[in-house]
N, C-alpha and C. Protein backbone atom coordinates (compact mmCIF):
# COMPACT_ATOMS: atom_id res chain seq x y z
N MET A 1 42.27 33.25 -22.10
CA MET A 1 40.97 33.67 -21.59
C MET A 1 39.94 33.56 -22.56
N LYS A 2 40.17 33.85 -23.88
CA LYS A 2 39.14 33.66 -24.93
C LYS A 2 38.88 32.18 -25.02
N LYS A 3 39.72 31.33 -24.87
CA LYS A 3 39.48 29.89 -24.98
C LYS A 3 38.57 29.48 -23.93
N LEU A 4 38.74 29.99 -22.54
CA LEU A 4 37.83 29.63 -21.49
C LEU A 4 36.39 30.03 -21.76
N VAL A 5 36.27 31.25 -22.22
CA VAL A 5 34.91 31.78 -22.54
C VAL A 5 34.28 31.10 -23.66
N LEU A 6 35.10 30.72 -24.73
CA LEU A 6 34.60 29.81 -25.81
C LEU A 6 34.09 28.43 -25.24
N LEU A 7 34.94 27.82 -24.36
CA LEU A 7 34.57 26.54 -23.77
C LEU A 7 33.30 26.67 -23.02
N LEU A 8 33.13 27.68 -22.16
CA LEU A 8 31.97 27.88 -21.44
C LEU A 8 30.73 28.01 -22.33
N VAL A 9 30.88 28.84 -23.44
CA VAL A 9 29.78 28.94 -24.28
C VAL A 9 29.38 27.50 -24.99
N VAL A 10 30.31 26.89 -25.45
CA VAL A 10 30.02 25.45 -26.05
C VAL A 10 29.42 24.62 -24.95
N LEU A 11 29.88 24.51 -23.67
CA LEU A 11 29.23 23.78 -22.68
C LEU A 11 27.84 24.17 -22.32
N VAL A 12 27.59 25.52 -22.12
CA VAL A 12 26.25 25.87 -22.04
C VAL A 12 25.32 25.63 -23.13
N GLY A 13 25.95 25.72 -24.30
CA GLY A 13 25.15 25.31 -25.54
C GLY A 13 24.85 23.97 -25.66
N LEU A 14 25.74 23.04 -25.26
CA LEU A 14 25.53 21.60 -25.21
C LEU A 14 24.44 21.26 -24.17
N GLY A 15 24.55 21.89 -23.00
CA GLY A 15 23.69 21.65 -21.84
C GLY A 15 22.32 21.96 -22.24
N GLY A 16 22.11 23.11 -22.94
CA GLY A 16 20.70 23.64 -23.33
C GLY A 16 20.23 22.64 -24.36
N THR A 17 21.08 22.06 -25.26
CA THR A 17 20.59 21.12 -26.29
C THR A 17 20.11 19.83 -25.60
N ALA A 18 20.92 19.46 -24.68
CA ALA A 18 20.51 18.15 -23.93
C ALA A 18 19.22 18.34 -23.21
N MET A 19 19.12 19.51 -22.63
CA MET A 19 17.82 19.67 -21.90
C MET A 19 16.72 19.89 -22.87
N SER A 20 16.84 20.35 -24.01
CA SER A 20 15.80 20.52 -24.93
C SER A 20 15.40 19.19 -25.56
N GLN A 21 16.38 18.33 -25.49
CA GLN A 21 16.02 16.89 -26.05
C GLN A 21 15.50 15.98 -25.05
N SER A 22 15.37 16.39 -23.74
CA SER A 22 14.72 15.54 -22.74
C SER A 22 13.18 15.45 -23.04
N LYS A 23 12.78 14.33 -23.28
CA LYS A 23 11.34 14.16 -23.66
C LYS A 23 10.41 14.09 -22.57
N ILE A 24 9.36 15.03 -22.62
CA ILE A 24 8.49 15.12 -21.52
C ILE A 24 7.13 14.79 -22.23
N ALA A 25 6.30 14.13 -21.39
CA ALA A 25 4.91 13.91 -21.87
C ALA A 25 3.92 13.96 -20.64
N HIS A 26 2.74 13.84 -20.98
CA HIS A 26 1.70 13.97 -19.88
C HIS A 26 0.63 12.92 -20.20
N VAL A 27 -0.09 12.64 -18.95
CA VAL A 27 -1.15 11.81 -19.07
C VAL A 27 -2.34 12.27 -18.34
N ARG A 28 -3.44 11.97 -18.51
CA ARG A 28 -4.67 12.47 -17.86
C ARG A 28 -5.13 11.25 -16.93
N SER A 29 -4.70 11.47 -15.65
CA SER A 29 -4.91 10.19 -14.70
C SER A 29 -6.26 9.95 -14.53
N GLN A 30 -7.25 10.89 -14.46
CA GLN A 30 -8.72 10.50 -14.30
C GLN A 30 -9.17 9.58 -15.50
N VAL A 31 -8.67 9.87 -16.81
CA VAL A 31 -9.09 9.13 -17.86
C VAL A 31 -8.57 7.68 -17.66
N LEU A 32 -7.19 7.51 -17.12
CA LEU A 32 -6.65 6.23 -16.85
C LEU A 32 -7.61 5.56 -15.89
N TRP A 33 -7.99 6.16 -14.75
CA TRP A 33 -8.77 5.37 -13.76
C TRP A 33 -10.13 5.05 -14.39
N ASP A 34 -10.66 5.86 -15.13
CA ASP A 34 -12.08 5.61 -15.74
C ASP A 34 -11.94 4.49 -16.70
N SER A 35 -10.74 4.25 -17.30
CA SER A 35 -10.59 3.10 -18.35
C SER A 35 -10.45 1.80 -17.77
N LEU A 36 -10.23 1.75 -16.48
CA LEU A 36 -9.91 0.42 -15.79
C LEU A 36 -11.17 -0.26 -15.38
N PRO A 37 -11.41 -1.49 -16.02
CA PRO A 37 -12.70 -2.30 -15.47
C PRO A 37 -12.49 -2.58 -14.11
N SER A 38 -11.28 -2.92 -13.60
CA SER A 38 -11.20 -3.30 -12.19
C SER A 38 -11.41 -2.16 -11.21
N ALA A 39 -11.21 -0.93 -11.78
CA ALA A 39 -11.50 0.25 -10.82
C ALA A 39 -13.01 0.35 -10.73
N LYS A 40 -13.82 0.11 -11.78
CA LYS A 40 -15.11 0.08 -11.60
C LYS A 40 -15.73 -0.99 -10.59
N ILE A 41 -15.14 -2.10 -10.72
CA ILE A 41 -15.51 -3.22 -9.78
C ILE A 41 -15.21 -2.88 -8.35
N ALA A 42 -14.02 -2.33 -8.17
CA ALA A 42 -13.52 -1.84 -6.85
C ALA A 42 -14.39 -0.69 -6.31
N LEU A 43 -14.86 0.26 -7.13
CA LEU A 43 -15.74 1.25 -6.75
C LEU A 43 -17.02 0.71 -6.39
N ALA A 44 -17.54 -0.35 -6.97
CA ALA A 44 -18.91 -1.04 -6.65
C ALA A 44 -18.65 -1.76 -5.33
N GLN A 45 -17.65 -2.40 -5.13
CA GLN A 45 -17.39 -3.10 -3.90
C GLN A 45 -17.40 -2.05 -2.72
N TYR A 46 -16.65 -0.97 -3.04
CA TYR A 46 -16.50 -0.07 -1.86
C TYR A 46 -17.90 0.60 -1.55
N GLY A 47 -18.70 0.86 -2.72
CA GLY A 47 -20.14 1.46 -2.47
C GLY A 47 -20.93 0.41 -1.65
N GLU A 48 -20.77 -0.88 -1.98
CA GLU A 48 -21.59 -1.77 -1.10
C GLU A 48 -21.21 -1.76 0.29
N MET A 49 -19.79 -1.82 0.49
CA MET A 49 -19.42 -1.69 1.92
C MET A 49 -19.86 -0.51 2.69
N GLU A 50 -19.74 0.53 1.96
CA GLU A 50 -20.10 1.95 2.51
C GLU A 50 -21.66 1.87 3.05
N LYS A 51 -22.49 1.43 2.01
CA LYS A 51 -23.88 1.28 2.28
C LYS A 51 -24.15 0.44 3.44
N ASN A 52 -23.38 -0.71 3.56
CA ASN A 52 -23.68 -1.59 4.76
C ASN A 52 -23.34 -0.96 5.97
N ALA A 53 -22.18 -0.27 5.92
CA ALA A 53 -21.64 0.38 7.17
C ALA A 53 -22.64 1.44 7.62
N TYR A 54 -23.15 2.37 6.76
CA TYR A 54 -24.06 3.29 7.11
C TYR A 54 -25.43 2.82 7.49
N ASP A 55 -25.87 1.76 6.85
CA ASP A 55 -27.06 1.02 7.25
C ASP A 55 -26.94 0.56 8.72
N GLU A 56 -25.88 -0.01 9.10
CA GLU A 56 -25.63 -0.48 10.51
C GLU A 56 -25.73 0.75 11.47
N LEU A 57 -24.97 1.89 11.03
CA LEU A 57 -24.97 3.05 11.98
C LEU A 57 -26.32 3.57 11.97
N ASN A 58 -27.04 3.61 10.95
CA ASN A 58 -28.47 4.18 11.09
C ASN A 58 -29.37 3.32 11.87
N GLU A 59 -29.32 2.04 11.83
CA GLU A 59 -29.88 1.12 12.67
C GLU A 59 -29.70 1.40 14.14
N MET A 60 -28.44 1.68 14.54
CA MET A 60 -28.14 1.96 15.94
C MET A 60 -28.74 3.35 16.34
N GLN A 61 -28.72 4.32 15.37
CA GLN A 61 -29.26 5.64 15.71
C GLN A 61 -30.74 5.55 15.91
N LEU A 62 -31.34 4.76 15.13
CA LEU A 62 -32.75 4.54 15.25
C LEU A 62 -33.21 3.89 16.72
N GLU A 63 -32.39 2.83 16.91
CA GLU A 63 -32.62 2.20 18.17
C GLU A 63 -32.38 3.08 19.42
N PHE A 64 -31.29 3.97 19.25
CA PHE A 64 -31.04 4.92 20.34
C PHE A 64 -32.23 5.93 20.42
N GLN A 65 -32.70 6.38 19.33
CA GLN A 65 -34.01 7.33 19.27
C GLN A 65 -35.04 6.76 19.88
N THR A 66 -35.31 5.46 19.71
CA THR A 66 -36.47 4.79 20.16
C THR A 66 -36.39 4.64 21.74
N ALA A 67 -35.10 4.26 22.14
CA ALA A 67 -34.83 4.13 23.66
C ALA A 67 -34.90 5.55 24.29
N ALA A 68 -34.45 6.53 23.73
CA ALA A 68 -34.53 7.94 24.33
C ALA A 68 -35.97 8.38 24.40
N GLU A 69 -36.77 8.15 23.37
CA GLU A 69 -38.17 8.52 23.46
C GLU A 69 -38.96 7.64 24.59
N ALA A 70 -38.63 6.35 24.61
CA ALA A 70 -39.15 5.59 25.67
C ALA A 70 -38.81 6.11 27.06
N TYR A 71 -37.62 6.55 27.24
CA TYR A 71 -37.17 7.05 28.54
C TYR A 71 -37.85 8.38 28.79
N GLN A 72 -38.00 9.27 27.93
CA GLN A 72 -38.67 10.46 28.07
C GLN A 72 -40.14 10.28 28.56
N ALA A 73 -40.78 9.32 27.89
CA ALA A 73 -42.17 8.96 28.13
C ALA A 73 -42.41 8.69 29.70
N LYS A 74 -41.41 7.75 30.24
CA LYS A 74 -41.56 7.20 31.47
C LYS A 74 -40.68 7.78 32.52
N ALA A 75 -39.90 8.90 32.18
CA ALA A 75 -39.02 9.46 33.15
C ALA A 75 -39.82 10.20 34.27
N PRO A 76 -40.90 10.79 33.99
CA PRO A 76 -41.68 11.57 35.14
C PRO A 76 -42.10 10.61 36.26
N SER A 77 -42.39 9.39 35.86
CA SER A 77 -42.83 8.31 36.85
C SER A 77 -41.64 7.59 37.57
N LEU A 78 -40.38 7.90 37.16
CA LEU A 78 -39.19 7.15 37.80
C LEU A 78 -38.67 7.91 39.00
N ILE A 79 -38.20 7.19 39.89
CA ILE A 79 -37.47 7.73 41.09
C ILE A 79 -36.12 8.19 40.56
N ARG A 80 -35.46 9.01 41.29
CA ARG A 80 -34.11 9.65 40.92
C ARG A 80 -33.09 8.52 40.51
N SER A 81 -32.93 7.52 41.34
CA SER A 81 -31.96 6.44 41.03
C SER A 81 -32.32 5.71 39.73
N GLN A 82 -33.49 5.49 39.40
CA GLN A 82 -34.01 4.87 38.19
C GLN A 82 -33.65 5.79 36.95
N ARG A 83 -33.92 7.00 37.13
CA ARG A 83 -33.63 7.97 36.11
C ARG A 83 -32.20 8.12 35.81
N GLU A 84 -31.46 8.10 36.89
CA GLU A 84 -29.89 8.20 36.65
C GLU A 84 -29.33 6.86 35.90
N TYR A 85 -29.95 5.84 36.41
CA TYR A 85 -29.55 4.58 35.60
C TYR A 85 -29.95 4.65 34.17
N GLU A 86 -31.04 5.03 33.86
CA GLU A 86 -31.55 4.97 32.54
C GLU A 86 -30.74 6.00 31.73
N GLU A 87 -30.37 7.14 32.22
CA GLU A 87 -29.71 8.24 31.63
C GLU A 87 -28.20 7.62 31.23
N LYS A 88 -27.74 7.01 32.26
CA LYS A 88 -26.38 6.39 32.12
C LYS A 88 -26.37 5.40 30.89
N LYS A 89 -27.41 4.54 30.90
CA LYS A 89 -27.56 3.53 29.76
C LYS A 89 -27.68 4.42 28.44
N LEU A 90 -28.33 5.38 28.43
CA LEU A 90 -28.57 6.19 27.13
C LEU A 90 -27.11 6.82 26.81
N MET A 91 -26.46 7.36 27.71
CA MET A 91 -25.12 7.89 27.40
C MET A 91 -24.21 6.84 26.88
N GLU A 92 -24.10 5.64 27.57
CA GLU A 92 -23.25 4.64 27.15
C GLU A 92 -23.54 4.23 25.68
N PHE A 93 -24.89 4.27 25.46
CA PHE A 93 -25.38 3.79 24.10
C PHE A 93 -24.98 4.81 23.03
N GLN A 94 -24.97 6.18 23.43
CA GLN A 94 -24.54 7.23 22.56
C GLN A 94 -22.97 7.15 22.31
N GLU A 95 -22.32 6.68 23.30
CA GLU A 95 -20.88 6.54 23.18
C GLU A 95 -20.55 5.40 22.28
N ARG A 96 -21.34 4.32 22.24
CA ARG A 96 -21.03 3.14 21.41
C ARG A 96 -21.41 3.55 20.03
N ILE A 97 -22.40 4.34 19.82
CA ILE A 97 -22.75 4.81 18.41
C ILE A 97 -21.55 5.62 17.89
N GLU A 98 -21.05 6.54 18.70
CA GLU A 98 -19.94 7.40 18.30
C GLU A 98 -18.63 6.49 17.98
N SER A 99 -18.40 5.59 18.87
CA SER A 99 -17.17 4.55 18.64
C SER A 99 -17.45 3.74 17.33
N THR A 100 -18.63 3.28 17.16
CA THR A 100 -18.99 2.59 15.99
C THR A 100 -18.86 3.40 14.68
N ASN A 101 -19.27 4.60 14.71
CA ASN A 101 -19.12 5.54 13.65
C ASN A 101 -17.61 5.79 13.42
N GLN A 102 -16.72 6.02 14.39
CA GLN A 102 -15.33 6.22 14.17
C GLN A 102 -14.78 4.84 13.50
N SER A 103 -15.10 3.84 14.00
CA SER A 103 -14.52 2.43 13.63
C SER A 103 -15.00 2.32 12.10
N LEU A 104 -16.29 2.62 11.79
CA LEU A 104 -16.70 2.36 10.40
C LEU A 104 -16.01 3.39 9.45
N LYS A 105 -15.66 4.61 9.92
CA LYS A 105 -14.89 5.51 9.03
C LYS A 105 -13.58 5.01 8.87
N ASP A 106 -12.87 4.53 9.82
CA ASP A 106 -11.48 3.91 9.68
C ASP A 106 -11.50 2.75 8.90
N PHE A 107 -12.54 1.92 9.04
CA PHE A 107 -12.73 0.81 8.16
C PHE A 107 -12.78 1.21 6.64
N LEU A 108 -13.69 2.28 6.41
CA LEU A 108 -13.78 2.50 4.91
C LEU A 108 -12.62 3.17 4.44
N ILE A 109 -11.86 3.99 5.21
CA ILE A 109 -10.53 4.60 4.77
C ILE A 109 -9.61 3.42 4.36
N GLN A 110 -9.51 2.40 5.34
CA GLN A 110 -8.58 1.32 5.10
C GLN A 110 -9.06 0.40 3.85
N THR A 111 -10.32 0.27 3.65
CA THR A 111 -10.85 -0.53 2.52
C THR A 111 -10.61 0.31 1.18
N SER A 112 -10.72 1.55 1.22
CA SER A 112 -10.52 2.42 0.13
C SER A 112 -8.98 2.19 -0.25
N ASN A 113 -8.18 2.33 0.64
CA ASN A 113 -6.72 2.28 0.50
C ASN A 113 -6.35 0.90 -0.14
N ASP A 114 -6.91 -0.23 0.41
CA ASP A 114 -6.68 -1.61 -0.05
C ASP A 114 -7.18 -1.76 -1.40
N LEU A 115 -8.23 -1.19 -1.77
CA LEU A 115 -8.79 -1.40 -3.08
C LEU A 115 -7.99 -0.69 -4.18
N ASN A 116 -7.57 0.60 -3.68
CA ASN A 116 -6.91 1.55 -4.78
C ASN A 116 -5.50 1.14 -4.89
N ALA A 117 -4.71 0.65 -3.87
CA ALA A 117 -3.34 0.44 -3.98
C ALA A 117 -2.85 -0.37 -5.21
N PRO A 118 -3.43 -1.54 -5.42
CA PRO A 118 -3.18 -2.21 -6.65
C PRO A 118 -3.41 -1.58 -7.96
N LEU A 119 -4.59 -0.74 -7.96
CA LEU A 119 -4.88 0.03 -9.09
C LEU A 119 -3.86 1.08 -9.30
N GLN A 120 -3.46 1.78 -8.42
CA GLN A 120 -2.37 2.79 -8.63
C GLN A 120 -1.20 2.24 -9.00
N ASP A 121 -0.76 1.06 -8.46
CA ASP A 121 0.31 0.32 -8.94
C ASP A 121 0.40 0.13 -10.31
N ARG A 122 -0.84 -0.40 -10.77
CA ARG A 122 -0.97 -0.93 -12.14
C ARG A 122 -0.90 0.29 -13.13
N ILE A 123 -1.38 1.42 -12.74
CA ILE A 123 -1.28 2.54 -13.43
C ILE A 123 0.18 3.06 -13.69
N LYS A 124 0.84 3.03 -12.42
CA LYS A 124 2.21 3.47 -12.43
C LYS A 124 3.04 2.59 -13.34
N ARG A 125 2.80 1.22 -13.33
CA ARG A 125 3.50 0.29 -14.14
C ARG A 125 3.33 0.53 -15.58
N ALA A 126 1.99 0.85 -15.94
CA ALA A 126 1.73 1.07 -17.36
C ALA A 126 2.36 2.36 -17.86
N VAL A 127 2.41 3.35 -17.08
CA VAL A 127 3.16 4.60 -17.45
C VAL A 127 4.57 4.34 -17.50
N ASP A 128 5.21 3.64 -16.60
CA ASP A 128 6.66 3.23 -16.72
C ASP A 128 6.90 2.48 -18.09
N ILE A 129 6.10 1.56 -18.45
CA ILE A 129 6.32 0.79 -19.63
C ILE A 129 6.20 1.73 -20.87
N VAL A 130 5.25 2.54 -20.93
CA VAL A 130 5.07 3.33 -22.12
C VAL A 130 6.30 4.43 -22.19
N ALA A 131 6.57 4.97 -20.93
CA ALA A 131 7.84 5.87 -20.87
C ALA A 131 9.11 5.25 -21.33
N GLU A 132 9.31 4.06 -20.97
CA GLU A 132 10.47 3.40 -21.34
C GLU A 132 10.52 3.10 -22.83
N ARG A 133 9.41 2.66 -23.31
CA ARG A 133 9.27 2.32 -24.89
C ARG A 133 9.60 3.53 -25.55
N MET A 134 9.02 4.75 -25.25
CA MET A 134 9.16 6.02 -25.80
C MET A 134 10.38 6.78 -25.46
N LYS A 135 11.21 6.30 -24.59
CA LYS A 135 12.36 6.84 -24.11
C LYS A 135 12.01 8.29 -23.49
N LEU A 136 11.12 8.35 -22.66
CA LEU A 136 10.81 9.60 -22.04
C LEU A 136 11.48 10.01 -20.80
N ALA A 137 11.83 11.14 -20.61
CA ALA A 137 12.55 11.42 -19.28
C ALA A 137 11.57 11.74 -18.18
N TYR A 138 10.39 12.39 -18.52
CA TYR A 138 9.42 12.79 -17.58
C TYR A 138 8.01 12.45 -18.09
N VAL A 139 7.22 12.09 -17.27
CA VAL A 139 5.73 11.92 -17.43
C VAL A 139 5.04 12.65 -16.35
N ILE A 140 4.18 13.66 -16.61
CA ILE A 140 3.56 14.49 -15.63
C ILE A 140 2.05 14.30 -15.81
N ASP A 141 1.44 14.22 -14.76
CA ASP A 141 -0.13 14.15 -14.54
C ASP A 141 -0.61 15.50 -14.97
N GLU A 142 -1.40 15.64 -15.92
CA GLU A 142 -1.96 16.94 -16.51
C GLU A 142 -2.75 17.59 -15.39
N SER A 143 -3.51 16.94 -14.56
CA SER A 143 -4.23 17.59 -13.47
C SER A 143 -3.39 18.12 -12.27
N SER A 144 -2.20 17.70 -12.12
CA SER A 144 -1.27 18.28 -11.06
C SER A 144 -0.30 19.27 -11.61
N ALA A 145 -0.30 19.59 -12.84
CA ALA A 145 0.69 20.50 -13.43
C ALA A 145 0.30 21.81 -13.19
N ILE A 146 1.32 22.73 -12.77
CA ILE A 146 1.01 24.05 -12.46
C ILE A 146 0.73 24.90 -13.79
N TYR A 147 1.49 24.53 -14.73
CA TYR A 147 1.28 25.10 -16.12
C TYR A 147 1.17 23.98 -17.00
N PHE A 148 0.37 24.13 -18.02
CA PHE A 148 0.20 23.06 -19.00
C PHE A 148 0.00 23.80 -20.26
N GLY A 149 0.90 23.56 -21.27
CA GLY A 149 0.92 24.28 -22.58
C GLY A 149 0.95 23.35 -23.64
N GLY A 150 0.24 22.19 -23.63
CA GLY A 150 0.42 21.13 -24.59
C GLY A 150 1.27 20.11 -24.31
N GLY A 151 2.09 19.67 -25.31
CA GLY A 151 3.02 18.60 -25.07
C GLY A 151 2.50 17.26 -25.64
N GLN A 152 3.26 16.27 -25.46
CA GLN A 152 2.83 14.89 -25.84
C GLN A 152 2.02 14.22 -24.96
N ASP A 153 0.61 13.97 -25.29
CA ASP A 153 -0.16 13.18 -24.53
C ASP A 153 -0.11 11.70 -24.76
N ILE A 154 0.39 11.00 -23.79
CA ILE A 154 0.46 9.53 -23.98
C ILE A 154 -0.49 8.73 -23.27
N THR A 155 -1.68 9.40 -22.88
CA THR A 155 -2.79 8.78 -22.31
C THR A 155 -3.39 7.46 -23.03
N ASP A 156 -3.45 7.68 -24.22
CA ASP A 156 -4.11 6.59 -25.06
C ASP A 156 -3.13 5.34 -25.09
N GLU A 157 -1.85 5.65 -25.22
CA GLU A 157 -0.83 4.65 -25.26
C GLU A 157 -0.77 3.88 -23.81
N VAL A 158 -0.89 4.68 -22.78
CA VAL A 158 -0.94 4.16 -21.39
C VAL A 158 -2.11 3.23 -21.25
N ILE A 159 -3.26 3.67 -21.77
CA ILE A 159 -4.52 2.97 -21.47
C ILE A 159 -4.46 1.53 -22.18
N LYS A 160 -3.77 1.46 -23.39
CA LYS A 160 -3.68 0.21 -24.01
C LYS A 160 -2.84 -0.86 -23.17
N VAL A 161 -1.82 -0.33 -22.54
CA VAL A 161 -0.95 -1.13 -21.71
C VAL A 161 -1.66 -1.48 -20.43
N LEU A 162 -2.30 -0.41 -19.85
CA LEU A 162 -3.08 -0.64 -18.71
C LEU A 162 -4.15 -1.72 -18.71
N LEU A 163 -4.92 -1.75 -19.99
CA LEU A 163 -5.93 -2.60 -20.16
C LEU A 163 -5.36 -4.11 -20.15
N GLU A 164 -4.17 -4.22 -20.79
CA GLU A 164 -3.50 -5.60 -21.01
C GLU A 164 -3.16 -6.05 -19.65
N LEU A 165 -2.54 -5.10 -18.78
CA LEU A 165 -2.10 -5.47 -17.42
C LEU A 165 -3.44 -5.82 -16.61
N ASP A 166 -4.42 -4.95 -16.77
CA ASP A 166 -5.60 -5.16 -15.82
C ASP A 166 -6.30 -6.56 -16.13
N ALA A 167 -6.32 -6.86 -17.44
CA ALA A 167 -6.97 -8.08 -17.92
C ALA A 167 -6.19 -9.26 -17.46
N LYS A 168 -4.87 -9.09 -17.50
CA LYS A 168 -3.93 -10.26 -17.10
C LYS A 168 -4.17 -10.50 -15.61
N GLU A 169 -4.04 -9.43 -14.74
CA GLU A 169 -3.88 -9.45 -13.30
C GLU A 169 -5.29 -9.77 -12.79
N THR A 170 -6.36 -9.32 -13.34
CA THR A 170 -7.61 -9.84 -12.77
C THR A 170 -8.09 -11.17 -13.13
N ALA A 171 -7.52 -11.68 -14.32
CA ALA A 171 -7.67 -13.06 -14.66
C ALA A 171 -6.96 -13.99 -13.65
N GLU A 172 -5.87 -13.45 -13.12
CA GLU A 172 -4.97 -14.24 -12.22
C GLU A 172 -5.67 -14.30 -10.78
N ASP A 173 -6.53 -13.21 -10.52
CA ASP A 173 -7.22 -13.21 -9.19
C ASP A 173 -8.52 -14.11 -9.24
N VAL A 174 -8.95 -14.44 -10.38
CA VAL A 174 -10.12 -15.34 -10.52
C VAL A 174 -9.77 -16.79 -10.05
N ILE A 175 -10.45 -17.30 -9.08
CA ILE A 175 -10.34 -18.66 -8.72
C ILE A 175 -11.35 -19.56 -9.46
N PRO A 176 -10.75 -20.56 -10.15
CA PRO A 176 -11.73 -21.40 -10.97
C PRO A 176 -12.62 -22.25 -9.90
N ASN A 177 -13.81 -22.61 -10.37
CA ASN A 177 -14.80 -23.40 -9.52
C ASN A 177 -14.43 -24.75 -9.65
C-alpha cells in the first residue's frame, strides 16, 4: 500500500513538473494588426468602398426626397387614381432604397471578410512560426485573456516574422507592368 501511495505522489509530482514546464506566451493582437502595412492598405480600400456605397445610397435618398416633395406639391391637384399611382411609385422607390441599403451592407461585410481573411491567416502563420521556434505550448491573445498576470510577450518577435511574410506575399500580389 505504501508503494502505491509513493507511486501516486511521484506521478502527481511529475505531472505538476511537466505542466509547469509548458511554455505559455502572449501576443497583443491589435499591435500585430497595426504593424501590418497590408492591413493599412486593406483598411484604405475598405474605406473607399464604404464611402462609395454610402454616396450611392445618399444619392438615392436625395432623389426620393425630391420626388416626395414634388408629389406633395402637386397632390392636391391630382385625381384619386393619379395620387394612388404616384404614391405607389414612391413606395416602390422607398423599397428599392431599403433593398439597396441591405445589399450594400451585405457587400461591405463580405468585402471586410475578404480583405481580413488573408491578414488573419498571415498573423496566425507568424504566431505559429514563432511558437514553434520558441517551443511554446500555448500562445494567448492578451486582449481575450480573462486573467493576465504578465508572462512572456512575443509580440515583437511575431511582428518581425509578420513583416517578412507581409513583404513577401504583397510582393507576390503585385503584377509587373
